[in-house]
Structure formats: C-alpha cells, structure tokens
PDB file of N, CA and C in Angstrom:
ATOM      1  N   UNK A   1       1.753 -20.569 -25.388  1.00  0.00           N
ATOM      2  CA  UNK A   1       2.513 -19.421 -25.848  1.00  0.00           C
ATOM      3  C   UNK A   1       1.940 -18.125 -25.272  1.00  0.00           C
ATOM      4  N   UNK A   2       0.618 -18.003 -25.185  1.00  0.00           N
ATOM      5  CA  UNK A   2       0.015 -16.785 -24.678  1.00  0.00           C
ATOM      6  C   UNK A   2       0.273 -16.609 -23.196  1.00  0.00           C
ATOM      7  N   UNK A   3       0.326 -17.717 -22.460  1.00  0.00           N
ATOM      8  CA  UNK A   3       0.605 -17.629 -21.028  1.00  0.00           C
ATOM      9  C   UNK A   3       2.018 -17.100 -20.819  1.00  0.00           C
ATOM     10  N   UNK A   4       2.942 -17.496 -21.667  1.00  0.00           N
ATOM     11  CA  UNK A   4       4.307 -17.002 -21.580  1.00  0.00           C
ATOM     12  C   UNK A   4       4.379 -15.501 -21.784  1.00  0.00           C
ATOM     13  N   UNK A   5       3.634 -15.003 -22.745  1.00  0.00           N
ATOM     14  CA  UNK A   5       3.594 -13.553 -22.985  1.00  0.00           C
ATOM     15  C   UNK A   5       3.012 -12.820 -21.790  1.00  0.00           C
ATOM     16  N   UNK A   6       1.935 -13.373 -21.253  1.00  0.00           N
ATOM     17  CA  UNK A   6       1.288 -12.751 -20.107  1.00  0.00           C
ATOM     18  C   UNK A   6       2.238 -12.690 -18.918  1.00  0.00           C
ATOM     19  N   UNK A   7       2.948 -13.769 -18.657  1.00  0.00           N
ATOM     20  CA  UNK A   7       3.913 -13.777 -17.563  1.00  0.00           C
ATOM     21  C   UNK A   7       5.048 -12.790 -17.811  1.00  0.00           C
ATOM     22  N   UNK A   8       5.482 -12.672 -19.049  1.00  0.00           N
ATOM     23  CA  UNK A   8       6.531 -11.721 -19.393  1.00  0.00           C
ATOM     24  C   UNK A   8       6.078 -10.281 -19.161  1.00  0.00           C
ATOM     25  N   UNK A   9       4.880  -9.955 -19.588  1.00  0.00           N
ATOM     26  CA  UNK A   9       4.351  -8.604 -19.398  1.00  0.00           C
ATOM     27  C   UNK A   9       4.174  -8.307 -17.910  1.00  0.00           C
ATOM     28  N   UNK A  10       3.609  -9.255 -17.156  1.00  0.00           N
ATOM     29  CA  UNK A  10       3.433  -9.047 -15.721  1.00  0.00           C
ATOM     30  C   UNK A  10       4.782  -8.894 -15.019  1.00  0.00           C
ATOM     31  N   UNK A  11       5.773  -9.655 -15.449  1.00  0.00           N
ATOM     32  CA  UNK A  11       7.107  -9.524 -14.877  1.00  0.00           C
ATOM     33  C   UNK A  11       7.712  -8.159 -15.153  1.00  0.00           C
ATOM     34  N   UNK A  12       7.530  -7.659 -16.367  1.00  0.00           N
ATOM     35  CA  UNK A  12       8.046  -6.333 -16.712  1.00  0.00           C
ATOM     36  C   UNK A  12       7.339  -5.240 -15.909  1.00  0.00           C
ATOM     37  N   UNK A  13       6.040  -5.394 -15.706  1.00  0.00           N
ATOM     38  CA  UNK A  13       5.299  -4.423 -14.897  1.00  0.00           C
ATOM     39  C   UNK A  13       5.831  -4.427 -13.465  1.00  0.00           C
ATOM     40  N   UNK A  14       6.086  -5.601 -12.917  1.00  0.00           N
ATOM     41  CA  UNK A  14       6.629  -5.695 -11.561  1.00  0.00           C
ATOM     42  C   UNK A  14       8.018  -5.071 -11.463  1.00  0.00           C
ATOM     43  N   UNK A  15       8.829  -5.266 -12.483  1.00  0.00           N
ATOM     44  CA  UNK A  15      10.170  -4.670 -12.483  1.00  0.00           C
ATOM     45  C   UNK A  15      10.072  -3.147 -12.509  1.00  0.00           C
ATOM     46  N   UNK A  16       9.196  -2.609 -13.343  1.00  0.00           N
ATOM     47  CA  UNK A  16       9.031  -1.155 -13.423  1.00  0.00           C
ATOM     48  C   UNK A  16       8.528  -0.600 -12.094  1.00  0.00           C
ATOM     49  N   UNK A  17       7.537  -1.267 -11.478  1.00  0.00           N
ATOM     50  CA  UNK A  17       7.040  -0.811 -10.182  1.00  0.00           C
ATOM     51  C   UNK A  17       8.126  -0.896  -9.113  1.00  0.00           C
ATOM     52  N   UNK A  18       8.920  -1.946  -9.138  1.00  0.00           N
ATOM     53  CA  UNK A  18      10.010  -2.083  -8.178  1.00  0.00           C
ATOM     54  C   UNK A  18      11.051  -0.989  -8.338  1.00  0.00           C
ATOM     55  N   UNK A  19      11.397  -0.663  -9.568  1.00  0.00           N
ATOM     56  CA  UNK A  19      12.361   0.412  -9.806  1.00  0.00           C
ATOM     57  C   UNK A  19      11.806   1.766  -9.369  1.00  0.00           C
ATOM     58  N   UNK A  20      10.511   1.978  -9.625  1.00  0.00           N
ATOM     59  CA  UNK A  20       9.897   3.232  -9.171  1.00  0.00           C
ATOM     60  C   UNK A  20       9.933   3.325  -7.651  1.00  0.00           C
ATOM     61  N   UNK A  21       9.623   2.227  -6.990  1.00  0.00           N
ATOM     62  CA  UNK A  21       9.595   2.213  -5.533  1.00  0.00           C
ATOM     63  C   UNK A  21      10.986   2.415  -4.958  1.00  0.00           C
ATOM     64  N   UNK A  22      12.002   1.889  -5.630  1.00  0.00           N
ATOM     65  CA  UNK A  22      13.377   1.975  -5.145  1.00  0.00           C
ATOM     66  C   UNK A  22      13.974   3.362  -5.385  1.00  0.00           C
ATOM     67  N   UNK A  23      13.809   3.902  -6.588  1.00  0.00           N
ATOM     68  CA  UNK A  23      14.487   5.137  -6.957  1.00  0.00           C
ATOM     69  C   UNK A  23      13.629   6.385  -6.857  1.00  0.00           C
ATOM     70  N   UNK A  24      12.324   6.242  -6.758  1.00  0.00           N
ATOM     71  CA  UNK A  24      11.443   7.407  -6.642  1.00  0.00           C
ATOM     72  C   UNK A  24      10.336   7.114  -5.637  1.00  0.00           C
ATOM     73  N   UNK A  25      10.686   6.947  -4.374  1.00  0.00           N
ATOM     74  CA  UNK A  25       9.661   6.578  -3.386  1.00  0.00           C
ATOM     75  C   UNK A  25       8.612   7.667  -3.181  1.00  0.00           C
ATOM     76  N   UNK A  26       8.915   8.898  -3.523  1.00  0.00           N
ATOM     77  CA  UNK A  26       7.954   9.983  -3.368  1.00  0.00           C
ATOM     78  C   UNK A  26       6.771   9.874  -4.316  1.00  0.00           C
ATOM     79  N   UNK A  27       6.935   9.151  -5.425  1.00  0.00           N
ATOM     80  CA  UNK A  27       5.841   9.012  -6.374  1.00  0.00           C
ATOM     81  C   UNK A  27       4.685   8.201  -5.804  1.00  0.00           C
ATOM     82  N   UNK A  28       4.998   7.272  -4.921  1.00  0.00           N
ATOM     83  CA  UNK A  28       3.958   6.438  -4.324  1.00  0.00           C
ATOM     84  C   UNK A  28       3.733   6.770  -2.859  1.00  0.00           C
ATOM     85  N   UNK A  29       4.175   7.932  -2.404  1.00  0.00           N
ATOM     86  CA  UNK A  29       4.031   8.315  -1.012  1.00  0.00           C
ATOM     87  C   UNK A  29       2.587   8.553  -0.598  1.00  0.00           C
ATOM     88  N   UNK A  30       1.732   8.861  -1.534  1.00  0.00           N
ATOM     89  CA  UNK A  30       0.320   9.107  -1.246  1.00  0.00           C
ATOM     90  C   UNK A  30      -0.435   7.816  -1.017  1.00  0.00           C
ATOM     91  N   UNK A  31       0.111   6.720  -1.514  1.00  0.00           N
ATOM     92  CA  UNK A  31      -0.592   5.439  -1.427  1.00  0.00           C
ATOM     93  C   UNK A  31      -0.653   4.972   0.027  1.00  0.00           C
ATOM     94  N   UNK A  32      -1.831   4.634   0.486  1.00  0.00           N
ATOM     95  CA  UNK A  32      -2.023   4.219   1.863  1.00  0.00           C
ATOM     96  C   UNK A  32      -2.468   5.342   2.768  1.00  0.00           C
ATOM     97  N   UNK A  33      -2.534   6.541   2.223  1.00  0.00           N
ATOM     98  CA  UNK A  33      -2.973   7.701   3.003  1.00  0.00           C
ATOM     99  C   UNK A  33      -4.160   8.393   2.334  1.00  0.00           C
ATOM    100  N   UNK A  34      -4.929   7.622   1.612  1.00  0.00           N
ATOM    101  CA  UNK A  34      -6.084   8.173   0.916  1.00  0.00           C
ATOM    102  C   UNK A  34      -7.260   8.337   1.875  1.00  0.00           C
ATOM    103  N   UNK A  35      -8.174   9.251   1.552  1.00  0.00           N
ATOM    104  CA  UNK A  35      -9.386   9.345   2.372  1.00  0.00           C
ATOM    105  C   UNK A  35     -10.152   8.014   2.284  1.00  0.00           C
ATOM    106  N   UNK A  36     -10.539   7.504   3.400  1.00  0.00           N
ATOM    107  CA  UNK A  36     -11.226   6.216   3.427  1.00  0.00           C
ATOM    108  C   UNK A  36     -10.348   5.095   3.955  1.00  0.00           C
ATOM    109  N   UNK A  37      -9.054   5.319   4.020  1.00  0.00           N
ATOM    110  CA  UNK A  37      -8.153   4.358   4.652  1.00  0.00           C
ATOM    111  C   UNK A  37      -8.297   4.514   6.163  1.00  0.00           C
ATOM    112  N   UNK A  38      -8.588   3.426   6.833  1.00  0.00           N
ATOM    113  CA  UNK A  38      -8.884   3.481   8.266  1.00  0.00           C
ATOM    114  C   UNK A  38      -7.616   3.221   9.058  1.00  0.00           C
ATOM    115  N   UNK A  39      -7.312   4.116   9.969  1.00  0.00           N
ATOM    116  CA  UNK A  39      -6.126   3.996  10.818  1.00  0.00           C
ATOM    117  C   UNK A  39      -6.522   4.317  12.255  1.00  0.00           C
ATOM    118  N   UNK A  40      -6.352   3.346  13.134  1.00  0.00           N
ATOM    119  CA  UNK A  40      -6.641   3.527  14.554  1.00  0.00           C
ATOM    120  C   UNK A  40      -5.364   3.213  15.322  1.00  0.00           C
ATOM    121  N   UNK A  41      -4.870   4.198  16.047  1.00  0.00           N
ATOM    122  CA  UNK A  41      -3.655   4.014  16.844  1.00  0.00           C
ATOM    123  C   UNK A  41      -3.949   4.372  18.296  1.00  0.00           C
ATOM    124  N   UNK A  42      -3.736   3.404  19.164  1.00  0.00           N
ATOM    125  CA  UNK A  42      -3.892   3.612  20.598  1.00  0.00           C
ATOM    126  C   UNK A  42      -2.689   3.005  21.292  1.00  0.00           C
ATOM    127  N   UNK A  43      -2.589   3.234  22.543  1.00  0.00           N
ATOM    128  CA  UNK A  43      -1.458   2.700  23.301  1.00  0.00           C
ATOM    129  C   UNK A  43      -1.492   1.171  23.274  1.00  0.00           C
ATOM    130  N   UNK A  44      -0.470   0.585  22.709  1.00  0.00           N
ATOM    131  CA  UNK A  44      -0.352  -0.865  22.633  1.00  0.00           C
ATOM    132  C   UNK A  44      -1.208  -1.508  21.556  1.00  0.00           C
ATOM    133  N   UNK A  45      -1.819  -0.701  20.702  1.00  0.00           N
ATOM    134  CA  UNK A  45      -2.706  -1.235  19.666  1.00  0.00           C
ATOM    135  C   UNK A  45      -2.626  -0.359  18.426  1.00  0.00           C
ATOM    136  N   UNK A  46      -2.512  -1.008  17.300  1.00  0.00           N
ATOM    137  CA  UNK A  46      -2.460  -0.282  16.036  1.00  0.00           C
ATOM    138  C   UNK A  46      -3.241  -1.083  14.991  1.00  0.00           C
ATOM    139  N   UNK A  47      -4.215  -0.444  14.364  1.00  0.00           N
ATOM    140  CA  UNK A  47      -5.014  -1.081  13.321  1.00  0.00           C
ATOM    141  C   UNK A  47      -4.946  -0.210  12.082  1.00  0.00           C
ATOM    142  N   UNK A  48      -4.629  -0.833  10.970  1.00  0.00           N
ATOM    143  CA  UNK A  48      -4.568  -0.117   9.709  1.00  0.00           C
ATOM    144  C   UNK A  48      -5.322  -0.931   8.677  1.00  0.00           C
ATOM    145  N   UNK A  49      -6.360  -0.357   8.116  1.00  0.00           N
ATOM    146  CA  UNK A  49      -7.196  -1.022   7.125  1.00  0.00           C
ATOM    147  C   UNK A  49      -7.286  -0.121   5.897  1.00  0.00           C
ATOM    148  N   UNK A  50      -6.454  -0.375   4.874  1.00  0.00           N
ATOM    149  CA  UNK A  50      -6.399   0.513   3.693  1.00  0.00           C
ATOM    150  C   UNK A  50      -7.532   0.237   2.704  1.00  0.00           C
ATOM    151  N   UNK A  51      -8.735   0.558   3.080  1.00  0.00           N
ATOM    152  CA  UNK A  51      -9.913   0.250   2.279  1.00  0.00           C
ATOM    153  C   UNK A  51      -9.874   0.939   0.912  1.00  0.00           C
ATOM    154  N   UNK A  52      -9.714   2.236   0.883  1.00  0.00           N
ATOM    155  CA  UNK A  52      -9.705   2.983  -0.377  1.00  0.00           C
ATOM    156  C   UNK A  52      -8.519   2.599  -1.254  1.00  0.00           C
ATOM    157  N   UNK A  53      -7.368   2.410  -0.652  1.00  0.00           N
ATOM    158  CA  UNK A  53      -6.178   2.037  -1.426  1.00  0.00           C
ATOM    159  C   UNK A  53      -6.360   0.682  -2.094  1.00  0.00           C
ATOM    160  N   UNK A  54      -6.952  -0.270  -1.379  1.00  0.00           N
ATOM    161  CA  UNK A  54      -7.151  -1.595  -1.958  1.00  0.00           C
ATOM    162  C   UNK A  54      -8.231  -1.584  -3.039  1.00  0.00           C
ATOM    163  N   UNK A  55      -9.245  -0.731  -2.877  1.00  0.00           N
ATOM    164  CA  UNK A  55     -10.235  -0.584  -3.950  1.00  0.00           C
ATOM    165  C   UNK A  55      -9.586  -0.004  -5.205  1.00  0.00           C
ATOM    166  N   UNK A  56      -8.692   0.943  -5.018  1.00  0.00           N
ATOM    167  CA  UNK A  56      -7.972   1.522  -6.153  1.00  0.00           C
ATOM    168  C   UNK A  56      -7.081   0.484  -6.826  1.00  0.00           C
ATOM    169  N   UNK A  57      -6.375  -0.311  -6.042  1.00  0.00           N
ATOM    170  CA  UNK A  57      -5.526  -1.376  -6.591  1.00  0.00           C
ATOM    171  C   UNK A  57      -6.379  -2.380  -7.352  1.00  0.00           C
ATOM    172  N   UNK A  58      -7.514  -2.752  -6.798  1.00  0.00           N
ATOM    173  CA  UNK A  58      -8.410  -3.696  -7.455  1.00  0.00           C
ATOM    174  C   UNK A  58      -8.909  -3.151  -8.791  1.00  0.00           C
ATOM    175  N   UNK A  59      -9.275  -1.891  -8.824  1.00  0.00           N
ATOM    176  CA  UNK A  59      -9.749  -1.264 -10.057  1.00  0.00           C
ATOM    177  C   UNK A  59      -8.660  -1.240 -11.117  1.00  0.00           C
ATOM    178  N   UNK A  60      -7.461  -0.834 -10.739  1.00  0.00           N
ATOM    179  CA  UNK A  60      -6.345  -0.755 -11.697  1.00  0.00           C
ATOM    180  C   UNK A  60      -5.979  -2.142 -12.215  1.00  0.00           C
ATOM    181  N   UNK A  61      -5.898  -3.136 -11.328  1.00  0.00           N
ATOM    182  CA  UNK A  61      -5.564  -4.493 -11.768  1.00  0.00           C
ATOM    183  C   UNK A  61      -6.649  -5.071 -12.663  1.00  0.00           C
ATOM    184  N   UNK A  62      -7.907  -4.803 -12.360  1.00  0.00           N
ATOM    185  CA  UNK A  62      -9.001  -5.280 -13.211  1.00  0.00           C
ATOM    186  C   UNK A  62      -8.917  -4.674 -14.605  1.00  0.00           C
ATOM    187  N   UNK A  63      -8.639  -3.381 -14.671  1.00  0.00           N
ATOM    188  CA  UNK A  63      -8.506  -2.734 -15.980  1.00  0.00           C
ATOM    189  C   UNK A  63      -7.304  -3.272 -16.754  1.00  0.00           C
ATOM    190  N   UNK A  64      -6.177  -3.441 -16.068  1.00  0.00           N
ATOM    191  CA  UNK A  64      -4.986  -3.960 -16.739  1.00  0.00           C
ATOM    192  C   UNK A  64      -5.198  -5.378 -17.247  1.00  0.00           C
ATOM    193  N   UNK A  65      -5.775  -6.234 -16.421  1.00  0.00           N
ATOM    194  CA  UNK A  65      -6.016  -7.609 -16.858  1.00  0.00           C
ATOM    195  C   UNK A  65      -7.024  -7.669 -17.994  1.00  0.00           C
ATOM    196  N   UNK A  66      -8.035  -6.806 -17.954  1.00  0.00           N
ATOM    197  CA  UNK A  66      -9.003  -6.756 -19.045  1.00  0.00           C
ATOM    198  C   UNK A  66      -8.328  -6.344 -20.353  1.00  0.00           C
ATOM    199  N   UNK A  67      -7.465  -5.333 -20.279  1.00  0.00           N
ATOM    200  CA  UNK A  67      -6.748  -4.902 -21.487  1.00  0.00           C
ATOM    201  C   UNK A  67      -5.791  -5.977 -21.985  1.00  0.00           C
ATOM    202  N   UNK A  68      -5.099  -6.643 -21.070  1.00  0.00           N
ATOM    203  CA  UNK A  68      -4.170  -7.694 -21.477  1.00  0.00           C
ATOM    204  C   UNK A  68      -4.901  -8.871 -22.118  1.00  0.00           C
ATOM    205  N   UNK A  69      -6.027  -9.258 -21.553  1.00  0.00           N
ATOM    206  CA  UNK A  69      -6.786 -10.367 -22.132  1.00  0.00           C
ATOM    207  C   UNK A  69      -7.335 -10.014 -23.505  1.00  0.00           C
ATOM    208  N   UNK A  70      -7.764  -8.781 -23.692  1.00  0.00           N
ATOM    209  CA  UNK A  70      -8.215  -8.356 -25.024  1.00  0.00           C
ATOM    210  C   UNK A  70      -7.066  -8.317 -26.010  1.00  0.00           C
ATOM    211  N   UNK A  71      -5.877  -7.945 -25.535  1.00  0.00           N
ATOM    212  CA  UNK A  71      -4.719  -7.836 -26.416  1.00  0.00           C
ATOM    213  C   UNK A  71      -4.245  -9.208 -26.871  1.00  0.00           C
ATOM    214  N   UNK A  72      -4.367 -10.222 -26.002  1.00  0.00           N
ATOM    215  CA  UNK A  72      -3.872 -11.546 -26.337  1.00  0.00           C
ATOM    216  C   UNK A  72      -4.903 -12.412 -27.062  1.00  0.00           C
ATOM    217  N   UNK A  73      -6.124 -11.965 -27.245  1.00  0.00           N
ATOM    218  CA  UNK A  73      -7.134 -12.760 -27.952  1.00  0.00           C
ATOM    219  C   UNK A  73      -7.010 -12.618 -29.427  1.00  0.00           C
TER     220      UNK A  73
END
C-alpha cells in the first residue's frame, strides 16, 4: 500500500513538472546555465557537462525522498 502512495506522489510531481515545462518554460530557463556547468564548443565538437545542475538535482531529490520516506513511516 505504501509503494502505491509513493508512486502516486511521484507521478503527481512529474505531472506538475511537465506542466510547468510546457506552459512556463521561462521558469526553468536558468537550469543548465549555472556557474560550474561545463560547456566546451569548438568546430565539429560540442561537450556539455552540467555538473552544478546535476548536483542541485541530486540535492533536491535526496531531500524530497527523505521527506517522503519520513511521511510514509
């Protein structure tokens, strides 16, 4: 039963993020352009390594999962 709730909450979060991305793309326009994101562009070569953005995503997901696990215990 708890796994069902967790999947429902995660699904709702994904729906909200999808709607934000679809109808308000300017809200997430800063994502991927943070200081620390590595971007190298040369002729015939493009490297993009979003280091800071992925650290931020990891931090937010860790906090959300921690809160969800505490809520379902």
